[in-house]
Amino acid sequence: MAASGIFSLIIKSKAAAFAAYMPFIEDGGLFVPTDRHFPLGSEIFLIIQLGEDTSDSKSIAVAGKVVWITPQRPQGYRKPGIGVQFSRSDKLARITLEKFIGSDFDASSQRTHTL
């Protein structure tokens, strides 16, 4: 049986959202920094708060599974963590994240946590 976990994330800026978002994963996904070990396929539940001001922020709750692992002390000084693929039935997380990042965000000089 795969491990499971619950994570609460606060993503304050478009740059932080862009760095964590994994659009190349089918149905979308998000990198979650953690030192905890989860095998591939583990079920994860995320509560994501988008925005700096808590009175104006949006919260998203989404279920998913681990499809990416960045181990401790990875090459390139990347943060250790997991990539969580959003549940196919929950399109709201992907839509909300993409809307938060926006099409006007200049990603040309931004690094991501995964690629």
N, C-alpha and C. Protein backbone atom coordinates (compact mmCIF):
# COMPACT_ATOMS: atom_id res chain seq x y z
N MET A 1 0.84 -1.19 0.00
CA MET A 1 0.00 0.00 0.00
C MET A 1 0.88 1.24 0.00
N ALA A 2 0.56 2.20 -0.85
CA ALA A 2 1.34 3.42 -0.98
C ALA A 2 1.10 4.34 0.21
N ALA A 3 2.12 5.11 0.56
CA ALA A 3 2.00 6.08 1.65
C ALA A 3 1.08 7.21 1.22
N SER A 4 0.59 7.96 2.19
CA SER A 4 -0.23 9.13 1.86
C SER A 4 0.18 10.28 2.75
N GLY A 5 -0.20 11.48 2.37
CA GLY A 5 0.16 12.65 3.16
C GLY A 5 -0.73 13.82 2.83
N ILE A 6 -0.73 14.77 3.75
CA ILE A 6 -1.47 16.01 3.58
C ILE A 6 -0.48 17.16 3.69
N PHE A 7 -0.54 18.08 2.74
CA PHE A 7 0.35 19.23 2.74
C PHE A 7 -0.44 20.51 2.62
N SER A 8 -0.01 21.52 3.33
CA SER A 8 -0.57 22.86 3.21
C SER A 8 0.54 23.75 2.65
N LEU A 9 0.27 24.39 1.51
CA LEU A 9 1.26 25.23 0.85
C LEU A 9 0.74 26.65 0.73
N ILE A 10 1.62 27.60 0.94
CA ILE A 10 1.30 29.00 0.67
C ILE A 10 2.22 29.44 -0.46
N ILE A 11 1.62 29.83 -1.57
CA ILE A 11 2.35 30.31 -2.73
C ILE A 11 2.00 31.77 -2.89
N LYS A 12 2.95 32.65 -2.54
CA LYS A 12 2.65 34.07 -2.46
C LYS A 12 2.75 34.82 -3.77
N SER A 13 3.61 34.36 -4.67
CA SER A 13 3.86 35.16 -5.87
C SER A 13 3.70 34.34 -7.15
N LYS A 14 3.60 35.05 -8.27
CA LYS A 14 3.54 34.38 -9.57
C LYS A 14 4.82 33.61 -9.83
N ALA A 15 5.97 34.19 -9.42
CA ALA A 15 7.26 33.52 -9.64
C ALA A 15 7.32 32.20 -8.86
N ALA A 16 6.84 32.20 -7.62
CA ALA A 16 6.83 30.97 -6.82
C ALA A 16 5.88 29.94 -7.41
N ALA A 17 4.73 30.39 -7.91
CA ALA A 17 3.77 29.48 -8.53
C ALA A 17 4.36 28.88 -9.81
N PHE A 18 5.02 29.72 -10.62
CA PHE A 18 5.63 29.24 -11.85
C PHE A 18 6.71 28.20 -11.54
N ALA A 19 7.53 28.45 -10.51
CA ALA A 19 8.61 27.54 -10.15
C ALA A 19 8.09 26.19 -9.68
N ALA A 20 6.92 26.17 -9.05
CA ALA A 20 6.37 24.93 -8.51
C ALA A 20 5.44 24.19 -9.48
N TYR A 21 4.84 24.91 -10.39
CA TYR A 21 3.85 24.32 -11.29
C TYR A 21 4.51 23.38 -12.29
N MET A 22 3.86 22.27 -12.59
CA MET A 22 4.39 21.26 -13.50
C MET A 22 3.38 21.04 -14.64
N PRO A 23 3.34 21.97 -15.62
CA PRO A 23 2.35 21.87 -16.69
C PRO A 23 2.59 20.70 -17.65
N PHE A 24 3.79 20.15 -17.63
CA PHE A 24 4.11 19.05 -18.54
C PHE A 24 3.53 17.72 -18.07
N ILE A 25 2.95 17.70 -16.87
CA ILE A 25 2.31 16.49 -16.36
C ILE A 25 0.84 16.50 -16.78
N GLU A 26 0.36 15.37 -17.27
CA GLU A 26 -1.04 15.27 -17.68
C GLU A 26 -1.94 15.67 -16.51
N ASP A 27 -2.89 16.53 -16.76
CA ASP A 27 -3.82 17.09 -15.77
C ASP A 27 -3.16 18.10 -14.83
N GLY A 28 -1.90 18.40 -15.04
CA GLY A 28 -1.19 19.39 -14.22
C GLY A 28 -0.64 18.79 -12.95
N GLY A 29 0.30 19.49 -12.36
CA GLY A 29 0.92 19.02 -11.13
C GLY A 29 1.65 20.15 -10.43
N LEU A 30 2.12 19.87 -9.23
CA LEU A 30 2.78 20.87 -8.42
C LEU A 30 3.92 20.22 -7.66
N PHE A 31 5.06 20.92 -7.63
CA PHE A 31 6.19 20.46 -6.83
C PHE A 31 5.96 20.88 -5.39
N VAL A 32 6.14 19.94 -4.47
CA VAL A 32 5.96 20.19 -3.04
C VAL A 32 7.30 19.95 -2.36
N PRO A 33 7.94 21.01 -1.84
CA PRO A 33 9.20 20.81 -1.13
C PRO A 33 8.96 20.02 0.16
N THR A 34 9.74 18.97 0.35
CA THR A 34 9.62 18.17 1.58
C THR A 34 10.86 17.30 1.75
N ASP A 35 11.19 17.04 3.00
CA ASP A 35 12.26 16.09 3.31
C ASP A 35 11.70 14.70 3.55
N ARG A 36 10.37 14.58 3.60
CA ARG A 36 9.74 13.29 3.82
C ARG A 36 9.83 12.44 2.56
N HIS A 37 9.93 11.14 2.75
CA HIS A 37 10.03 10.22 1.62
C HIS A 37 8.65 9.66 1.29
N PHE A 38 8.28 9.75 0.02
CA PHE A 38 7.04 9.16 -0.48
C PHE A 38 7.39 8.38 -1.74
N PRO A 39 6.99 7.12 -1.83
CA PRO A 39 7.22 6.38 -3.06
C PRO A 39 6.32 6.88 -4.19
N LEU A 40 6.73 6.63 -5.41
CA LEU A 40 5.89 6.95 -6.56
C LEU A 40 4.53 6.29 -6.38
N GLY A 41 3.48 7.01 -6.75
CA GLY A 41 2.13 6.49 -6.65
C GLY A 41 1.44 6.80 -5.32
N SER A 42 2.18 7.37 -4.36
CA SER A 42 1.57 7.71 -3.07
C SER A 42 0.46 8.73 -3.26
N GLU A 43 -0.60 8.57 -2.51
CA GLU A 43 -1.71 9.51 -2.57
C GLU A 43 -1.41 10.70 -1.67
N ILE A 44 -1.63 11.90 -2.22
CA ILE A 44 -1.33 13.14 -1.52
C ILE A 44 -2.54 14.05 -1.60
N PHE A 45 -2.79 14.79 -0.55
CA PHE A 45 -3.85 15.80 -0.54
C PHE A 45 -3.20 17.15 -0.28
N LEU A 46 -3.46 18.12 -1.14
CA LEU A 46 -2.86 19.45 -1.03
C LEU A 46 -3.92 20.50 -0.72
N ILE A 47 -3.57 21.39 0.18
CA ILE A 47 -4.35 22.59 0.42
C ILE A 47 -3.42 23.74 0.05
N ILE A 48 -3.76 24.43 -1.02
CA ILE A 48 -2.89 25.45 -1.59
C ILE A 48 -3.52 26.82 -1.41
N GLN A 49 -2.75 27.74 -0.85
CA GLN A 49 -3.21 29.13 -0.73
C GLN A 49 -2.39 29.96 -1.70
N LEU A 50 -3.07 30.63 -2.61
CA LEU A 50 -2.42 31.47 -3.61
C LEU A 50 -2.61 32.93 -3.25
N GLY A 51 -1.53 33.67 -3.21
CA GLY A 51 -1.59 35.11 -2.96
C GLY A 51 -0.92 35.51 -1.67
N GLU A 52 -0.44 36.73 -1.66
CA GLU A 52 0.29 37.24 -0.51
C GLU A 52 -0.63 37.68 0.62
N ASP A 53 -1.70 38.33 0.26
CA ASP A 53 -2.63 38.88 1.24
C ASP A 53 -3.69 37.83 1.54
N THR A 54 -3.76 37.37 2.78
CA THR A 54 -4.70 36.31 3.12
C THR A 54 -6.15 36.71 2.91
N SER A 55 -6.45 38.01 2.97
CA SER A 55 -7.83 38.42 2.74
C SER A 55 -8.22 38.36 1.26
N ASP A 56 -7.21 38.38 0.38
CA ASP A 56 -7.47 38.36 -1.06
C ASP A 56 -7.00 37.05 -1.70
N SER A 57 -6.53 36.11 -0.90
CA SER A 57 -5.97 34.89 -1.47
C SER A 57 -7.05 33.88 -1.82
N LYS A 58 -6.67 32.93 -2.65
CA LYS A 58 -7.57 31.85 -3.04
C LYS A 58 -7.02 30.55 -2.46
N SER A 59 -7.88 29.71 -1.96
CA SER A 59 -7.47 28.40 -1.48
C SER A 59 -8.01 27.33 -2.40
N ILE A 60 -7.17 26.34 -2.66
CA ILE A 60 -7.53 25.21 -3.51
C ILE A 60 -7.25 23.94 -2.72
N ALA A 61 -8.14 23.02 -2.73
CA ALA A 61 -7.91 21.69 -2.16
C ALA A 61 -7.91 20.71 -3.32
N VAL A 62 -6.88 19.88 -3.40
CA VAL A 62 -6.77 18.95 -4.52
C VAL A 62 -6.11 17.65 -4.08
N ALA A 63 -6.62 16.56 -4.61
CA ALA A 63 -6.02 15.25 -4.39
C ALA A 63 -5.13 14.92 -5.57
N GLY A 64 -4.11 14.13 -5.32
CA GLY A 64 -3.22 13.73 -6.40
C GLY A 64 -2.35 12.57 -5.99
N LYS A 65 -1.37 12.29 -6.84
CA LYS A 65 -0.43 11.21 -6.53
C LYS A 65 0.98 11.63 -6.90
N VAL A 66 1.95 11.04 -6.22
CA VAL A 66 3.36 11.36 -6.44
C VAL A 66 3.81 10.75 -7.76
N VAL A 67 4.33 11.63 -8.65
CA VAL A 67 4.84 11.17 -9.95
C VAL A 67 6.27 11.64 -10.19
N TRP A 68 6.84 12.36 -9.22
CA TRP A 68 8.17 12.92 -9.38
C TRP A 68 8.83 12.95 -8.01
N ILE A 69 10.10 12.60 -7.93
CA ILE A 69 10.83 12.67 -6.67
C ILE A 69 12.16 13.36 -6.92
N THR A 70 12.42 14.41 -6.16
CA THR A 70 13.75 15.04 -6.14
C THR A 70 14.34 14.68 -4.78
N PRO A 71 15.38 13.84 -4.76
CA PRO A 71 15.90 13.33 -3.49
C PRO A 71 16.69 14.38 -2.70
N GLN A 72 17.05 14.02 -1.48
CA GLN A 72 17.91 14.87 -0.66
C GLN A 72 19.23 15.11 -1.40
N ARG A 73 19.78 16.27 -1.27
CA ARG A 73 21.05 16.66 -1.90
C ARG A 73 21.07 16.37 -3.40
N PRO A 74 20.07 16.87 -4.11
CA PRO A 74 20.04 16.63 -5.56
C PRO A 74 21.10 17.46 -6.27
N GLN A 75 21.40 17.09 -7.49
CA GLN A 75 22.34 17.86 -8.30
C GLN A 75 21.72 19.19 -8.67
N GLY A 76 22.54 20.19 -8.88
CA GLY A 76 22.05 21.49 -9.31
C GLY A 76 21.42 22.30 -8.20
N TYR A 77 21.63 21.89 -6.95
CA TYR A 77 21.13 22.63 -5.79
C TYR A 77 19.61 22.80 -5.79
N ARG A 78 18.91 21.86 -6.34
CA ARG A 78 17.45 21.91 -6.31
C ARG A 78 16.96 21.47 -4.93
N LYS A 79 15.76 21.94 -4.60
CA LYS A 79 15.15 21.57 -3.32
C LYS A 79 14.69 20.12 -3.39
N PRO A 80 14.84 19.38 -2.29
CA PRO A 80 14.24 18.04 -2.26
C PRO A 80 12.72 18.15 -2.18
N GLY A 81 12.03 17.20 -2.76
CA GLY A 81 10.57 17.24 -2.70
C GLY A 81 9.94 16.24 -3.64
N ILE A 82 8.64 16.42 -3.83
CA ILE A 82 7.86 15.51 -4.67
C ILE A 82 7.03 16.31 -5.67
N GLY A 83 6.78 15.71 -6.80
CA GLY A 83 5.86 16.27 -7.78
C GLY A 83 4.54 15.53 -7.67
N VAL A 84 3.46 16.28 -7.47
CA VAL A 84 2.14 15.68 -7.29
C VAL A 84 1.28 15.95 -8.52
N GLN A 85 0.84 14.89 -9.17
CA GLN A 85 -0.06 15.01 -10.32
C GLN A 85 -1.48 15.19 -9.80
N PHE A 86 -2.15 16.23 -10.30
CA PHE A 86 -3.52 16.49 -9.87
C PHE A 86 -4.44 15.38 -10.35
N SER A 87 -5.45 15.11 -9.56
CA SER A 87 -6.47 14.13 -9.91
C SER A 87 -7.16 14.55 -11.20
N ARG A 88 -7.40 13.59 -12.06
CA ARG A 88 -8.03 13.86 -13.36
C ARG A 88 -9.39 14.52 -13.18
N SER A 89 -10.11 14.18 -12.11
CA SER A 89 -11.45 14.72 -11.90
C SER A 89 -11.44 16.13 -11.31
N ASP A 90 -10.25 16.65 -10.97
CA ASP A 90 -10.18 17.97 -10.33
C ASP A 90 -9.44 18.95 -11.23
N LYS A 91 -10.14 19.53 -12.16
CA LYS A 91 -9.54 20.46 -13.11
C LYS A 91 -9.39 21.87 -12.53
N LEU A 92 -10.06 22.15 -11.42
CA LEU A 92 -10.04 23.48 -10.82
C LEU A 92 -8.63 23.90 -10.40
N ALA A 93 -7.84 22.98 -9.87
CA ALA A 93 -6.49 23.32 -9.42
C ALA A 93 -5.64 23.82 -10.58
N ARG A 94 -5.66 23.09 -11.67
CA ARG A 94 -4.87 23.49 -12.85
C ARG A 94 -5.33 24.85 -13.39
N ILE A 95 -6.63 25.01 -13.53
CA ILE A 95 -7.19 26.26 -14.06
C ILE A 95 -6.84 27.44 -13.15
N THR A 96 -6.98 27.26 -11.84
CA THR A 96 -6.71 28.33 -10.88
C THR A 96 -5.23 28.70 -10.87
N LEU A 97 -4.34 27.71 -10.89
CA LEU A 97 -2.91 27.99 -10.93
C LEU A 97 -2.51 28.73 -12.20
N GLU A 98 -3.00 28.27 -13.33
CA GLU A 98 -2.67 28.93 -14.60
C GLU A 98 -3.20 30.36 -14.64
N LYS A 99 -4.36 30.57 -14.08
CA LYS A 99 -4.93 31.92 -14.02
C LYS A 99 -4.09 32.81 -13.08
N PHE A 100 -3.66 32.25 -11.95
CA PHE A 100 -2.83 32.99 -10.99
C PHE A 100 -1.50 33.40 -11.61
N ILE A 101 -0.85 32.47 -12.31
CA ILE A 101 0.44 32.78 -12.96
C ILE A 101 0.22 33.81 -14.06
N GLY A 102 -0.82 33.63 -14.85
CA GLY A 102 -1.18 34.60 -15.88
C GLY A 102 -0.32 34.50 -17.12
N SER A 103 -0.87 34.95 -18.21
CA SER A 103 -0.16 34.91 -19.49
C SER A 103 0.84 36.06 -19.62
N ASP A 104 0.74 37.07 -18.77
CA ASP A 104 1.65 38.20 -18.86
C ASP A 104 2.92 37.99 -18.04
N PHE A 105 3.03 36.84 -17.34
CA PHE A 105 4.21 36.57 -16.52
C PHE A 105 5.39 36.25 -17.41
N ASP A 106 6.52 36.93 -17.20
CA ASP A 106 7.73 36.70 -17.99
C ASP A 106 8.52 35.54 -17.38
N ALA A 107 8.38 34.38 -17.97
CA ALA A 107 9.03 33.18 -17.46
C ALA A 107 10.40 32.95 -18.06
N SER A 108 10.84 33.81 -18.96
CA SER A 108 12.07 33.57 -19.70
C SER A 108 13.30 33.46 -18.81
N SER A 109 13.33 34.14 -17.69
CA SER A 109 14.51 34.09 -16.82
C SER A 109 14.25 33.33 -15.52
N GLN A 110 13.09 32.70 -15.41
CA GLN A 110 12.72 32.01 -14.17
C GLN A 110 13.11 30.54 -14.22
N ARG A 111 13.70 30.04 -13.13
CA ARG A 111 13.99 28.61 -12.99
C ARG A 111 12.82 27.95 -12.28
N THR A 112 12.67 26.66 -12.53
CA THR A 112 11.65 25.90 -11.85
C THR A 112 12.31 24.91 -10.88
N HIS A 113 11.51 24.31 -10.04
CA HIS A 113 12.04 23.34 -9.08
C HIS A 113 12.31 21.99 -9.72
N THR A 114 11.82 21.76 -10.93
CA THR A 114 11.94 20.45 -11.53
C THR A 114 12.77 20.40 -12.80
N LEU A 115 12.49 21.26 -13.75
CA LEU A 115 13.22 21.22 -15.03
C LEU A 115 13.92 22.52 -15.31
